[in-house]
Amino acid sequence: MAHPLWWWPEDTETVPIPAHSAPAWDPSATLRVMTWNVQFFAGAGYVFFYDLPGWSGPDRRPSAVACARSLRQIAAVIDEEAPDVVLLQELDDGAARTDFADQLRQLQSELRWPFPAVVSTFYWRARFVPHPKVMGSVGLKLAILSRFQLRSARRHQLPRMPGSPVHQALNFHRAIVEARVSTSASAACPKGEVAVLCTHLDAFAQGSDTMQRQVAKVGAVLGDLDRDGVPWVIGGDFNLLGSDSAYGRLMPHDVPMYQPRTELSQLTTRYRSFPAPADLDGPDEARVRTYIPNDPRADGPDRTIDYLFMSEGWAREAATVRQDAIAQSASDHLPVIATLALASR
């Protein structure tokens, strides 16, 4: 719905795919997938107003210098990891806090080996948000970058947080962006395509059933793909713990942000994931932590809230959370990377 000040997306929308030339994916090969919340290229060293209780963090926006440095670091990590598909969250486009930059376009220009196929969709967009610590335009995107041909894409709206109509309109419209990757003929891909999906679920939803409803919507979208016989991989920032035992490792001031019984169990009990609950409950749990709080009380990655999920038929040949100094300096989230193969290849 169009409005002079805000934007209200439909439940399902077609996402345009810019013209591109790229090969179909060969299902006899592996598919390397990365998901990363790039925190609007803010990098490390900030404590934003929403990072502390009571919206009391001192920082409202990153500097242009910090954004340029984070951009270079993120591009360097992507170039080094050489994924086939990249699922990105928190890319600004037209936001006052990052000087109205189109960060997706900036990233495409910075990459040494560009991705020919790209789709994106907004999930926060308004000409002016009158929050005292925003007071300006906002624009935040999900994006999928692919080295292989994309034949179609669409946006799925997730359930919104409760609030007045105006509050909902000016708040986040969390979503899933789904793209279909063309494949060569294969028994593993009878429809000649696999689906790759990117999402970013809500934060600050305490006191409501928003997270349960959003996870249920993700499950419904994946269930439709299962029924259609389309292999899929979804990644993103789910803002949820991956096992119940992870709740016991939280710092006391973070406990109110989560439930003792994680809402993500709707997905972890149905599908394979990385990190998986077994990874989060094992002796090497620290190696799969994906989030570094912008909080002076934190001294490094302290929990896992970013994941890759995959449909039946995929085998995980390799997987890692990149936790080196460059990745930790680039964003408050760390990239999750997996090399996958269809079992019947």
C-alpha atoms as a PDB file:
ATOM      1  CA  MET A   1       0.000   0.000   0.000  1.00  0.00           C
ATOM      2  CA  ALA A   2       1.459   3.376  -1.022  1.00  0.00           C
ATOM      3  CA  HIS A   3       1.549   6.282   1.458  1.00  0.00           C
ATOM      4  CA  PRO A   4       3.495   9.557   1.476  1.00  0.00           C
ATOM      5  CA  LEU A   5       5.402   8.587   4.631  1.00  0.00           C
ATOM      6  CA  TRP A   6       5.413   4.811   4.963  1.00  0.00           C
ATOM      7  CA  TRP A   7       5.134   1.497   3.160  1.00  0.00           C
ATOM      8  CA  TRP A   8       2.906  -1.514   3.740  1.00  0.00           C
ATOM      9  CA  PRO A   9       3.839  -4.653   1.748  1.00  0.00           C
ATOM     10  CA  GLU A  10       1.362  -7.344   0.756  1.00  0.00           C
ATOM     11  CA  ASP A  11       1.453 -10.838   2.254  1.00  0.00           C
ATOM     12  CA  THR A  12       3.156 -12.203  -0.883  1.00  0.00           C
ATOM     13  CA  GLU A  13       4.806 -10.149  -3.608  1.00  0.00           C
ATOM     14  CA  THR A  14       6.812 -10.894  -6.716  1.00  0.00           C
ATOM     15  CA  VAL A  15      10.378  -9.584  -6.445  1.00  0.00           C
ATOM     16  CA  PRO A  16      11.926  -8.329  -9.696  1.00  0.00           C
ATOM     17  CA  ILE A  17      15.166  -9.936 -10.813  1.00  0.00           C
ATOM     18  CA  PRO A  18      17.529  -7.632 -12.715  1.00  0.00           C
ATOM     19  CA  ALA A  19      18.567  -8.968 -16.108  1.00  0.00           C
ATOM     20  CA  HIS A  20      21.638 -11.167 -15.813  1.00  0.00           C
ATOM     21  CA  SER A  21      23.615 -13.871 -17.530  1.00  0.00           C
ATOM     22  CA  ALA A  22      24.586 -16.824 -15.362  1.00  0.00           C
ATOM     23  CA  PRO A  23      24.745 -20.606 -15.729  1.00  0.00           C
ATOM     24  CA  ALA A  24      22.305 -23.058 -14.201  1.00  0.00           C
ATOM     25  CA  TRP A  25      23.552 -24.926 -11.157  1.00  0.00           C
ATOM     26  CA  ASP A  26      24.711 -28.497 -11.755  1.00  0.00           C
ATOM     27  CA  PRO A  27      23.169 -30.685  -9.008  1.00  0.00           C
ATOM     28  CA  SER A  28      26.114 -33.091  -9.274  1.00  0.00           C
ATOM     29  CA  ALA A  29      28.300 -30.311  -7.822  1.00  0.00           C
ATOM     30  CA  THR A  30      28.337 -28.878  -4.315  1.00  0.00           C
ATOM     31  CA  LEU A  31      26.608 -25.637  -3.356  1.00  0.00           C
ATOM     32  CA  ARG A  32      28.448 -23.324  -0.965  1.00  0.00           C
ATOM     33  CA  VAL A  33      26.078 -21.057   0.972  1.00  0.00           C
ATOM     34  CA  MET A  34      26.852 -18.167   3.318  1.00  0.00           C
ATOM     35  CA  THR A  35      24.464 -16.211   5.537  1.00  0.00           C
ATOM     36  CA  TRP A  36      25.516 -12.978   7.256  1.00  0.00           C
ATOM     37  CA  ASN A  37      23.828 -10.129   9.086  1.00  0.00           C
ATOM     38  CA  VAL A  38      26.135  -7.258   8.088  1.00  0.00           C
ATOM     39  CA  GLN A  39      24.684  -4.698  10.560  1.00  0.00           C
ATOM     40  CA  PHE A  40      24.364  -1.901   7.958  1.00  0.00           C
ATOM     41  CA  PHE A  41      28.182  -1.804   7.670  1.00  0.00           C
ATOM     42  CA  ALA A  42      28.511  -0.326  11.164  1.00  0.00           C
ATOM     43  CA  GLY A  43      31.394  -2.572  12.184  1.00  0.00           C
ATOM     44  CA  ALA A  44      32.503  -2.907  15.784  1.00  0.00           C
ATOM     45  CA  GLY A  45      33.065  -0.268  18.433  1.00  0.00           C
ATOM     46  CA  TYR A  46      29.549   1.105  18.801  1.00  0.00           C
ATOM     47  CA  VAL A  47      26.860   0.665  21.428  1.00  0.00           C
ATOM     48  CA  PHE A  48      23.682   1.683  19.655  1.00  0.00           C
ATOM     49  CA  PHE A  49      20.686   3.007  21.550  1.00  0.00           C
ATOM     50  CA  TYR A  50      18.788  -0.290  21.117  1.00  0.00           C
ATOM     51  CA  ASP A  51      21.742  -2.383  22.380  1.00  0.00           C
ATOM     52  CA  LEU A  52      21.149  -1.600  26.072  1.00  0.00           C
ATOM     53  CA  PRO A  53      18.050  -1.828  28.268  1.00  0.00           C
ATOM     54  CA  GLY A  54      15.779   1.176  28.135  1.00  0.00           C
ATOM     55  CA  TRP A  55      17.168   2.184  24.730  1.00  0.00           C
ATOM     56  CA  SER A  56      20.031   3.754  26.666  1.00  0.00           C
ATOM     57  CA  GLY A  57      22.958   3.019  24.339  1.00  0.00           C
ATOM     58  CA  PRO A  58      24.944   6.169  23.500  1.00  0.00           C
ATOM     59  CA  ASP A  59      25.237   5.751  19.714  1.00  0.00           C
ATOM     60  CA  ARG A  60      22.647   6.528  17.057  1.00  0.00           C
ATOM     61  CA  ARG A  61      24.604   5.887  13.864  1.00  0.00           C
ATOM     62  CA  PRO A  62      28.002   4.752  12.566  1.00  0.00           C
ATOM     63  CA  SER A  63      30.475   7.133  10.992  1.00  0.00           C
ATOM     64  CA  ALA A  64      31.116   7.159   7.248  1.00  0.00           C
ATOM     65  CA  VAL A  65      34.670   5.993   7.960  1.00  0.00           C
ATOM     66  CA  ALA A  66      33.390   2.983   9.945  1.00  0.00           C
ATOM     67  CA  CYS A  67      30.953   2.065   7.159  1.00  0.00           C
ATOM     68  CA  ALA A  68      33.687   2.195   4.523  1.00  0.00           C
ATOM     69  CA  ARG A  69      35.964   0.007   6.636  1.00  0.00           C
ATOM     70  CA  SER A  70      33.206  -2.540   7.318  1.00  0.00           C
ATOM     71  CA  LEU A  71      32.316  -2.642   3.627  1.00  0.00           C
ATOM     72  CA  ARG A  72      35.902  -3.523   2.708  1.00  0.00           C
ATOM     73  CA  GLN A  73      36.084  -6.192   5.404  1.00  0.00           C
ATOM     74  CA  ILE A  74      32.782  -7.808   4.448  1.00  0.00           C
ATOM     75  CA  ALA A  75      33.759  -7.880   0.776  1.00  0.00           C
ATOM     76  CA  ALA A  76      37.147  -9.388   1.672  1.00  0.00           C
ATOM     77  CA  VAL A  77      35.534 -12.186   3.699  1.00  0.00           C
ATOM     78  CA  ILE A  78      33.065 -12.998   0.915  1.00  0.00           C
ATOM     79  CA  ASP A  79      35.862 -13.028  -1.656  1.00  0.00           C
ATOM     80  CA  GLU A  80      37.981 -15.324   0.516  1.00  0.00           C
ATOM     81  CA  GLU A  81      35.161 -17.761   1.283  1.00  0.00           C
ATOM     82  CA  ALA A  82      33.972 -17.838  -2.360  1.00  0.00           C
ATOM     83  CA  PRO A  83      30.377 -18.917  -1.707  1.00  0.00           C
ATOM     84  CA  ASP A  84      28.004 -19.728  -4.555  1.00  0.00           C
ATOM     85  CA  VAL A  85      25.073 -18.081  -2.777  1.00  0.00           C
ATOM     86  CA  VAL A  86      25.166 -15.308  -0.175  1.00  0.00           C
ATOM     87  CA  LEU A  87      22.181 -14.499   2.048  1.00  0.00           C
ATOM     88  CA  LEU A  88      22.503 -11.033   3.578  1.00  0.00           C
ATOM     89  CA  GLN A  89      20.513  -9.202   6.228  1.00  0.00           C
ATOM     90  CA  GLU A  90      20.603  -5.544   7.374  1.00  0.00           C
ATOM     91  CA  LEU A  91      21.697  -3.784   4.217  1.00  0.00           C
ATOM     92  CA  ASP A  92      20.711  -0.116   4.326  1.00  0.00           C
ATOM     93  CA  ASP A  93      19.245   1.619   1.296  1.00  0.00           C
ATOM     94  CA  GLY A  94      18.100   5.220   1.618  1.00  0.00           C
ATOM     95  CA  ALA A  95      18.544   5.390   5.400  1.00  0.00           C
ATOM     96  CA  ALA A  96      19.570   8.659   7.026  1.00  0.00           C
ATOM     97  CA  ARG A  97      21.840   6.861   9.506  1.00  0.00           C
ATOM     98  CA  THR A  98      24.125   5.702   6.672  1.00  0.00           C
ATOM     99  CA  ASP A  99      23.875   8.836   4.515  1.00  0.00           C
ATOM    100  CA  PHE A 100      21.212   7.383   2.197  1.00  0.00           C
ATOM    101  CA  ALA A 101      23.659   4.882   0.664  1.00  0.00           C
ATOM    102  CA  ASP A 102      22.605   1.864  -1.366  1.00  0.00           C
ATOM    103  CA  GLN A 103      24.780  -0.620   0.514  1.00  0.00           C
ATOM    104  CA  LEU A 104      23.946  -3.558  -1.737  1.00  0.00           C
ATOM    105  CA  ARG A 105      25.242  -1.650  -4.734  1.00  0.00           C
ATOM    106  CA  GLN A 106      28.323  -0.596  -2.760  1.00  0.00           C
ATOM    107  CA  LEU A 107      29.054  -4.206  -1.878  1.00  0.00           C
ATOM    108  CA  GLN A 108      28.609  -5.380  -5.461  1.00  0.00           C
ATOM    109  CA  SER A 109      31.149  -2.766  -6.563  1.00  0.00           C
ATOM    110  CA  GLU A 110      33.644  -3.775  -3.870  1.00  0.00           C
ATOM    111  CA  LEU A 111      33.633  -7.539  -4.516  1.00  0.00           C
ATOM    112  CA  ARG A 112      36.547  -8.865  -6.535  1.00  0.00           C
ATOM    113  CA  TRP A 113      34.389 -11.565  -8.140  1.00  0.00           C
ATOM    114  CA  PRO A 114      30.875 -10.173  -8.563  1.00  0.00           C
ATOM    115  CA  PHE A 115      27.676 -12.207  -8.401  1.00  0.00           C
ATOM    116  CA  PRO A 116      25.711 -11.897 -11.644  1.00  0.00           C
ATOM    117  CA  ALA A 117      22.299 -12.690 -10.109  1.00  0.00           C
ATOM    118  CA  VAL A 118      20.972 -10.556  -7.246  1.00  0.00           C
ATOM    119  CA  VAL A 119      17.560  -9.978  -5.672  1.00  0.00           C
ATOM    120  CA  SER A 120      16.601  -7.867  -2.664  1.00  0.00           C
ATOM    121  CA  THR A 121      13.589  -6.670  -0.729  1.00  0.00           C
ATOM    122  CA  PHE A 122      12.981  -4.075   1.956  1.00  0.00           C
ATOM    123  CA  TYR A 123      11.803  -5.014   5.426  1.00  0.00           C
ATOM    124  CA  TRP A 124      11.949  -1.547   6.998  1.00  0.00           C
ATOM    125  CA  ARG A 125      11.115   1.468   4.888  1.00  0.00           C
ATOM    126  CA  ALA A 126       9.734   4.897   5.663  1.00  0.00           C
ATOM    127  CA  ARG A 127      10.490   8.458   4.637  1.00  0.00           C
ATOM    128  CA  PHE A 128      10.503   9.634   8.240  1.00  0.00           C
ATOM    129  CA  VAL A 129      10.388   7.770  11.554  1.00  0.00           C
ATOM    130  CA  PRO A 130       9.686  10.187  14.434  1.00  0.00           C
ATOM    131  CA  HIS A 131      11.445   8.087  17.077  1.00  0.00           C
ATOM    132  CA  PRO A 132      13.650  10.509  19.058  1.00  0.00           C
ATOM    133  CA  LYS A 133      16.758   8.447  18.262  1.00  0.00           C
ATOM    134  CA  VAL A 134      15.932   7.948  14.582  1.00  0.00           C
ATOM    135  CA  MET A 135      14.262  11.152  13.320  1.00  0.00           C
ATOM    136  CA  GLY A 136      14.817  10.455   9.668  1.00  0.00           C
ATOM    137  CA  SER A 137      14.318   8.064   6.781  1.00  0.00           C
ATOM    138  CA  VAL A 138      14.862   4.320   7.130  1.00  0.00           C
ATOM    139  CA  GLY A 139      15.494   1.621   4.553  1.00  0.00           C
ATOM    140  CA  LEU A 140      16.680  -1.893   5.379  1.00  0.00           C
ATOM    141  CA  LYS A 141      16.961  -4.872   3.019  1.00  0.00           C
ATOM    142  CA  LEU A 142      17.409  -8.594   2.697  1.00  0.00           C
ATOM    143  CA  ALA A 143      19.430  -9.712  -0.324  1.00  0.00           C
ATOM    144  CA  ILE A 144      20.397 -12.902  -2.140  1.00  0.00           C
ATOM    145  CA  LEU A 145      23.527 -12.948  -4.309  1.00  0.00           C
ATOM    146  CA  SER A 146      23.968 -15.937  -6.614  1.00  0.00           C
ATOM    147  CA  ARG A 147      26.596 -17.128  -9.070  1.00  0.00           C
ATOM    148  CA  PHE A 148      23.861 -19.141 -10.782  1.00  0.00           C
ATOM    149  CA  GLN A 149      20.811 -18.161 -12.767  1.00  0.00           C
ATOM    150  CA  LEU A 150      17.741 -17.034 -10.817  1.00  0.00           C
ATOM    151  CA  ARG A 151      14.467 -17.772 -12.576  1.00  0.00           C
ATOM    152  CA  SER A 152      11.990 -16.212 -10.116  1.00  0.00           C
ATOM    153  CA  ALA A 153      11.774 -14.545  -6.707  1.00  0.00           C
ATOM    154  CA  ARG A 154       9.128 -13.517  -4.229  1.00  0.00           C
ATOM    155  CA  ARG A 155       8.702 -11.907  -0.850  1.00  0.00           C
ATOM    156  CA  HIS A 156       6.763 -13.503   2.017  1.00  0.00           C
ATOM    157  CA  GLN A 157       5.575 -11.147   4.757  1.00  0.00           C
ATOM    158  CA  LEU A 158       6.096 -12.433   8.309  1.00  0.00           C
ATOM    159  CA  PRO A 159       3.582 -11.732  11.093  1.00  0.00           C
ATOM    160  CA  ARG A 160       4.062  -8.253  12.521  1.00  0.00           C
ATOM    161  CA  MET A 161       4.556  -7.221  16.118  1.00  0.00           C
ATOM    162  CA  PRO A 162       1.368  -5.940  17.774  1.00  0.00           C
ATOM    163  CA  GLY A 163       0.768  -2.206  17.921  1.00  0.00           C
ATOM    164  CA  SER A 164      -1.331   0.625  16.591  1.00  0.00           C
ATOM    165  CA  PRO A 165      -1.715   0.898  12.800  1.00  0.00           C
ATOM    166  CA  VAL A 166       0.708   3.820  12.658  1.00  0.00           C
ATOM    167  CA  HIS A 167       3.253   2.091  14.908  1.00  0.00           C
ATOM    168  CA  GLN A 168       3.067  -1.050  12.787  1.00  0.00           C
ATOM    169  CA  ALA A 169       3.413   0.944   9.565  1.00  0.00           C
ATOM    170  CA  LEU A 170       6.568   2.703  10.771  1.00  0.00           C
ATOM    171  CA  ASN A 171       8.072  -0.398  12.359  1.00  0.00           C
ATOM    172  CA  PHE A 172       9.832  -3.356  10.732  1.00  0.00           C
ATOM    173  CA  HIS A 173       7.972  -5.516   8.207  1.00  0.00           C
ATOM    174  CA  ARG A 174      10.026  -8.681   8.721  1.00  0.00           C
ATOM    175  CA  ALA A 175      10.054 -10.975   5.732  1.00  0.00           C
ATOM    176  CA  ILE A 176      11.465 -13.909   3.798  1.00  0.00           C
ATOM    177  CA  VAL A 177      12.879 -13.397   0.329  1.00  0.00           C
ATOM    178  CA  GLU A 178      12.807 -16.580  -1.764  1.00  0.00           C
ATOM    179  CA  ALA A 179      14.644 -17.101  -5.052  1.00  0.00           C
ATOM    180  CA  ARG A 180      14.545 -20.103  -7.348  1.00  0.00           C
ATOM    181  CA  VAL A 181      17.935 -21.142  -8.764  1.00  0.00           C
ATOM    182  CA  SER A 182      17.807 -22.836 -12.166  1.00  0.00           C
ATOM    183  CA  THR A 183      19.414 -26.265 -12.292  1.00  0.00           C
ATOM    184  CA  SER A 184      20.408 -28.665 -15.032  1.00  0.00           C
ATOM    185  CA  ALA A 185      18.404 -31.852 -15.471  1.00  0.00           C
ATOM    186  CA  SER A 186      18.645 -34.156 -12.449  1.00  0.00           C
ATOM    187  CA  ALA A 187      16.563 -36.684 -10.571  1.00  0.00           C
ATOM    188  CA  ALA A 188      17.373 -34.695  -7.417  1.00  0.00           C
ATOM    189  CA  CYS A 189      15.806 -31.565  -8.947  1.00  0.00           C
ATOM    190  CA  PRO A 190      12.812 -32.818 -10.934  1.00  0.00           C
ATOM    191  CA  LYS A 191      11.464 -29.294 -11.409  1.00  0.00           C
ATOM    192  CA  GLY A 192      14.795 -27.905 -12.571  1.00  0.00           C
ATOM    193  CA  GLU A 193      15.228 -25.600  -9.617  1.00  0.00           C
ATOM    194  CA  VAL A 194      16.243 -25.291  -5.991  1.00  0.00           C
ATOM    195  CA  ALA A 195      15.000 -22.575  -3.638  1.00  0.00           C
ATOM    196  CA  VAL A 196      17.288 -20.358  -1.596  1.00  0.00           C
ATOM    197  CA  LEU A 197      15.688 -18.192   1.071  1.00  0.00           C
ATOM    198  CA  CYS A 198      16.881 -15.398   3.361  1.00  0.00           C
ATOM    199  CA  THR A 199      15.150 -14.027   6.443  1.00  0.00           C
ATOM    200  CA  HIS A 200      15.576 -11.890   9.552  1.00  0.00           C
ATOM    201  CA  LEU A 201      13.119 -12.456  12.381  1.00  0.00           C
ATOM    202  CA  ASP A 202      12.122  -9.896  14.983  1.00  0.00           C
ATOM    203  CA  ALA A 203      13.998  -8.745  18.036  1.00  0.00           C
ATOM    204  CA  PHE A 204      12.480  -6.974  21.045  1.00  0.00           C
ATOM    205  CA  ALA A 205       9.276  -9.008  20.749  1.00  0.00           C
ATOM    206  CA  GLN A 206       9.057  -9.923  24.440  1.00  0.00           C
ATOM    207  CA  GLY A 207       5.582 -10.060  25.896  1.00  0.00           C
ATOM    208  CA  SER A 208       3.922 -11.191  22.665  1.00  0.00           C
ATOM    209  CA  ASP A 209       3.651 -14.347  20.580  1.00  0.00           C
ATOM    210  CA  THR A 210       5.379 -12.679  17.618  1.00  0.00           C
ATOM    211  CA  MET A 211       8.315 -15.087  17.528  1.00  0.00           C
ATOM    212  CA  GLN A 212       6.110 -18.178  17.646  1.00  0.00           C
ATOM    213  CA  ARG A 213       4.009 -16.816  14.784  1.00  0.00           C
ATOM    214  CA  GLN A 214       7.022 -15.824  12.702  1.00  0.00           C
ATOM    215  CA  VAL A 215       8.676 -19.227  13.101  1.00  0.00           C
ATOM    216  CA  ALA A 216       5.368 -20.871  12.204  1.00  0.00           C
ATOM    217  CA  LYS A 217       5.195 -18.766   9.022  1.00  0.00           C
ATOM    218  CA  VAL A 218       8.749 -19.782   8.082  1.00  0.00           C
ATOM    219  CA  GLY A 219       7.734 -23.406   8.629  1.00  0.00           C
ATOM    220  CA  ALA A 220       4.658 -22.973   6.421  1.00  0.00           C
ATOM    221  CA  VAL A 221       6.736 -21.552   3.548  1.00  0.00           C
ATOM    222  CA  LEU A 222       9.214 -24.430   3.848  1.00  0.00           C
ATOM    223  CA  GLY A 223       6.395 -26.947   4.063  1.00  0.00           C
ATOM    224  CA  ASP A 224       4.986 -25.667   0.761  1.00  0.00           C
ATOM    225  CA  LEU A 225       8.374 -26.236  -0.879  1.00  0.00           C
ATOM    226  CA  ASP A 226       8.533 -29.744   0.577  1.00  0.00           C
ATOM    227  CA  ARG A 227       5.117 -30.572  -0.863  1.00  0.00           C
ATOM    228  CA  ASP A 228       6.173 -29.184  -4.251  1.00  0.00           C
ATOM    229  CA  GLY A 229       9.315 -31.334  -4.247  1.00  0.00           C
ATOM    230  CA  VAL A 230      11.699 -28.366  -4.471  1.00  0.00           C
ATOM    231  CA  PRO A 231      14.968 -28.731  -2.511  1.00  0.00           C
ATOM    232  CA  TRP A 232      15.658 -25.630  -0.417  1.00  0.00           C
ATOM    233  CA  VAL A 233      18.149 -23.892   1.858  1.00  0.00           C
ATOM    234  CA  ILE A 234      17.194 -21.005   4.136  1.00  0.00           C
ATOM    235  CA  GLY A 235      19.538 -18.838   6.168  1.00  0.00           C
ATOM    236  CA  GLY A 236      19.408 -15.733   8.243  1.00  0.00           C
ATOM    237  CA  ASP A 237      19.317 -14.041  11.599  1.00  0.00           C
ATOM    238  CA  PHE A 238      16.560 -15.833  13.482  1.00  0.00           C
ATOM    239  CA  ASN A 239      17.147 -13.892  16.738  1.00  0.00           C
ATOM    240  CA  LEU A 240      16.457 -17.103  18.651  1.00  0.00           C
ATOM    241  CA  LEU A 241      18.502 -19.641  20.573  1.00  0.00           C
ATOM    242  CA  GLY A 242      18.967 -23.004  18.907  1.00  0.00           C
ATOM    243  CA  SER A 243      18.633 -25.266  21.951  1.00  0.00           C
ATOM    244  CA  ASP A 244      17.069 -25.063  25.373  1.00  0.00           C
ATOM    245  CA  SER A 245      20.423 -25.526  27.075  1.00  0.00           C
ATOM    246  CA  ALA A 246      21.692 -22.345  25.388  1.00  0.00           C
ATOM    247  CA  TYR A 247      19.252 -20.431  27.578  1.00  0.00           C
ATOM    248  CA  GLY A 248      21.245 -21.467  30.651  1.00  0.00           C
ATOM    249  CA  ARG A 249      24.430 -19.914  29.239  1.00  0.00           C
ATOM    250  CA  LEU A 250      22.979 -16.414  28.835  1.00  0.00           C
ATOM    251  CA  MET A 251      24.243 -13.534  30.917  1.00  0.00           C
ATOM    252  CA  PRO A 252      21.565 -12.576  33.487  1.00  0.00           C
ATOM    253  CA  HIS A 253      20.699  -9.297  31.775  1.00  0.00           C
ATOM    254  CA  ASP A 254      19.998 -11.148  28.494  1.00  0.00           C
ATOM    255  CA  VAL A 255      17.653 -13.757  29.956  1.00  0.00           C
ATOM    256  CA  PRO A 256      14.466 -11.630  29.489  1.00  0.00           C
ATOM    257  CA  MET A 257      15.129 -11.545  25.731  1.00  0.00           C
ATOM    258  CA  TYR A 258      14.473 -15.292  25.289  1.00  0.00           C
ATOM    259  CA  GLN A 259      12.195 -18.129  26.353  1.00  0.00           C
ATOM    260  CA  PRO A 260      13.423 -21.183  28.324  1.00  0.00           C
ATOM    261  CA  ARG A 261      11.836 -23.335  25.599  1.00  0.00           C
ATOM    262  CA  THR A 262      13.097 -21.823  22.351  1.00  0.00           C
ATOM    263  CA  GLU A 263      10.513 -21.016  19.692  1.00  0.00           C
ATOM    264  CA  LEU A 264      13.005 -22.221  17.089  1.00  0.00           C
ATOM    265  CA  SER A 265      12.296 -25.813  18.138  1.00  0.00           C
ATOM    266  CA  GLN A 266       9.422 -25.682  15.613  1.00  0.00           C
ATOM    267  CA  LEU A 267      12.152 -25.843  12.951  1.00  0.00           C
ATOM    268  CA  THR A 268      15.028 -27.649  14.674  1.00  0.00           C
ATOM    269  CA  THR A 269      12.839 -30.686  15.392  1.00  0.00           C
ATOM    270  CA  ARG A 270      11.725 -30.893  11.738  1.00  0.00           C
ATOM    271  CA  TYR A 271      14.806 -29.974   9.725  1.00  0.00           C
ATOM    272  CA  ARG A 272      18.553 -30.262   9.770  1.00  0.00           C
ATOM    273  CA  SER A 273      20.466 -27.105  10.495  1.00  0.00           C
ATOM    274  CA  PHE A 274      23.871 -25.611  11.033  1.00  0.00           C
ATOM    275  CA  PRO A 275      24.574 -24.859  13.757  1.00  0.00           C
ATOM    276  CA  ALA A 276      22.397 -27.737  14.943  1.00  0.00           C
ATOM    277  CA  PRO A 277      21.201 -28.323  18.528  1.00  0.00           C
ATOM    278  CA  ALA A 278      23.926 -30.981  18.879  1.00  0.00           C
ATOM    279  CA  ASP A 279      26.548 -28.372  17.947  1.00  0.00           C
ATOM    280  CA  LEU A 280      25.161 -25.968  20.540  1.00  0.00           C
ATOM    281  CA  ASP A 281      25.157 -28.596  23.279  1.00  0.00           C
ATOM    282  CA  GLY A 282      28.544 -30.117  22.470  1.00  0.00           C
ATOM    283  CA  PRO A 283      32.035 -29.443  23.830  1.00  0.00           C
ATOM    284  CA  ASP A 284      32.884 -27.109  20.922  1.00  0.00           C
ATOM    285  CA  GLU A 285      29.809 -24.919  21.358  1.00  0.00           C
ATOM    286  CA  ALA A 286      31.906 -21.750  21.516  1.00  0.00           C
ATOM    287  CA  ARG A 287      33.094 -22.357  17.945  1.00  0.00           C
ATOM    288  CA  VAL A 288      29.590 -21.938  16.523  1.00  0.00           C
ATOM    289  CA  ARG A 289      28.590 -18.759  18.329  1.00  0.00           C
ATOM    290  CA  THR A 290      27.418 -16.199  15.796  1.00  0.00           C
ATOM    291  CA  TYR A 291      26.610 -13.038  17.754  1.00  0.00           C
ATOM    292  CA  ILE A 292      28.811 -10.474  19.503  1.00  0.00           C
ATOM    293  CA  PRO A 293      26.680  -8.096  21.581  1.00  0.00           C
ATOM    294  CA  ASN A 294      27.342  -4.377  21.223  1.00  0.00           C
ATOM    295  CA  ASP A 295      27.514  -4.301  24.998  1.00  0.00           C
ATOM    296  CA  PRO A 296      30.486  -3.345  27.191  1.00  0.00           C
ATOM    297  CA  ARG A 297      29.761  -6.373  29.388  1.00  0.00           C
ATOM    298  CA  ALA A 298      30.435  -8.802  26.526  1.00  0.00           C
ATOM    299  CA  ASP A 299      33.980  -9.819  25.597  1.00  0.00           C
ATOM    300  CA  GLY A 300      33.314 -11.763  22.387  1.00  0.00           C
ATOM    301  CA  PRO A 301      30.750 -14.010  20.707  1.00  0.00           C
ATOM    302  CA  ASP A 302      28.387 -15.267  23.405  1.00  0.00           C
ATOM    303  CA  ARG A 303      25.439 -16.975  21.665  1.00  0.00           C
ATOM    304  CA  THR A 304      24.165 -18.464  18.420  1.00  0.00           C
ATOM    305  CA  ILE A 305      21.188 -16.833  16.697  1.00  0.00           C
ATOM    306  CA  ASP A 306      22.100 -17.195  12.985  1.00  0.00           C
ATOM    307  CA  TYR A 307      21.478 -20.474  11.125  1.00  0.00           C
ATOM    308  CA  LEU A 308      21.252 -22.355   7.873  1.00  0.00           C
ATOM    309  CA  PHE A 309      18.390 -24.866   7.541  1.00  0.00           C
ATOM    310  CA  MET A 310      18.085 -27.340   4.671  1.00  0.00           C
ATOM    311  CA  SER A 311      15.492 -29.718   3.273  1.00  0.00           C
ATOM    312  CA  GLU A 312      15.808 -33.489   3.117  1.00  0.00           C
ATOM    313  CA  GLY A 313      18.202 -34.651   0.444  1.00  0.00           C
ATOM    314  CA  TRP A 314      21.061 -32.324   1.305  1.00  0.00           C
ATOM    315  CA  ALA A 315      24.280 -33.642   2.818  1.00  0.00           C
ATOM    316  CA  ARG A 316      26.489 -31.242   4.756  1.00  0.00           C
ATOM    317  CA  GLU A 317      30.053 -31.737   3.529  1.00  0.00           C
ATOM    318  CA  ALA A 318      31.579 -28.868   5.506  1.00  0.00           C
ATOM    319  CA  ALA A 319      30.339 -26.052   7.727  1.00  0.00           C
ATOM    320  CA  THR A 320      31.823 -23.328   9.880  1.00  0.00           C
ATOM    321  CA  VAL A 321      31.181 -20.051  11.646  1.00  0.00           C
ATOM    322  CA  ARG A 322      33.948 -17.668  10.700  1.00  0.00           C
ATOM    323  CA  GLN A 323      35.127 -16.082  13.960  1.00  0.00           C
ATOM    324  CA  ASP A 324      38.456 -14.483  12.981  1.00  0.00           C
ATOM    325  CA  ALA A 325      39.377 -10.884  13.793  1.00  0.00           C
ATOM    326  CA  ILE A 326      38.290  -9.519  10.407  1.00  0.00           C
ATOM    327  CA  ALA A 327      34.797 -11.002  10.679  1.00  0.00           C
ATOM    328  CA  GLN A 328      34.436  -9.861  14.289  1.00  0.00           C
ATOM    329  CA  SER A 329      35.426  -6.334  13.307  1.00  0.00           C
ATOM    330  CA  ALA A 330      33.042  -6.170  10.346  1.00  0.00           C
ATOM    331  CA  SER A 331      29.698  -6.750  12.105  1.00  0.00           C
ATOM    332  CA  ASP A 332      28.073  -7.763  15.380  1.00  0.00           C
ATOM    333  CA  HIS A 333      27.143 -11.046  13.668  1.00  0.00           C
ATOM    334  CA  LEU A 334      29.471 -13.646  12.205  1.00  0.00           C
ATOM    335  CA  PRO A 335      29.076 -15.383   8.840  1.00  0.00           C
ATOM    336  CA  VAL A 336      27.751 -18.948   8.799  1.00  0.00           C
ATOM    337  CA  ILE A 337      29.018 -20.977   5.834  1.00  0.00           C
ATOM    338  CA  ALA A 338      28.172 -24.489   4.657  1.00  0.00           C
ATOM    339  CA  THR A 339      29.121 -26.605   1.659  1.00  0.00           C
ATOM    340  CA  LEU A 340      26.155 -28.772   0.707  1.00  0.00           C
ATOM    341  CA  ALA A 341      25.522 -31.584  -1.742  1.00  0.00           C
ATOM    342  CA  LEU A 342      22.340 -33.256  -2.856  1.00  0.00           C
ATOM    343  CA  ALA A 343      22.479 -36.822  -1.572  1.00  0.00           C
ATOM    344  CA  SER A 344      21.537 -38.350  -4.912  1.00  0.00           C
ATOM    345  CA  ARG A 345      24.149 -36.459  -6.923  1.00  0.00           C
END
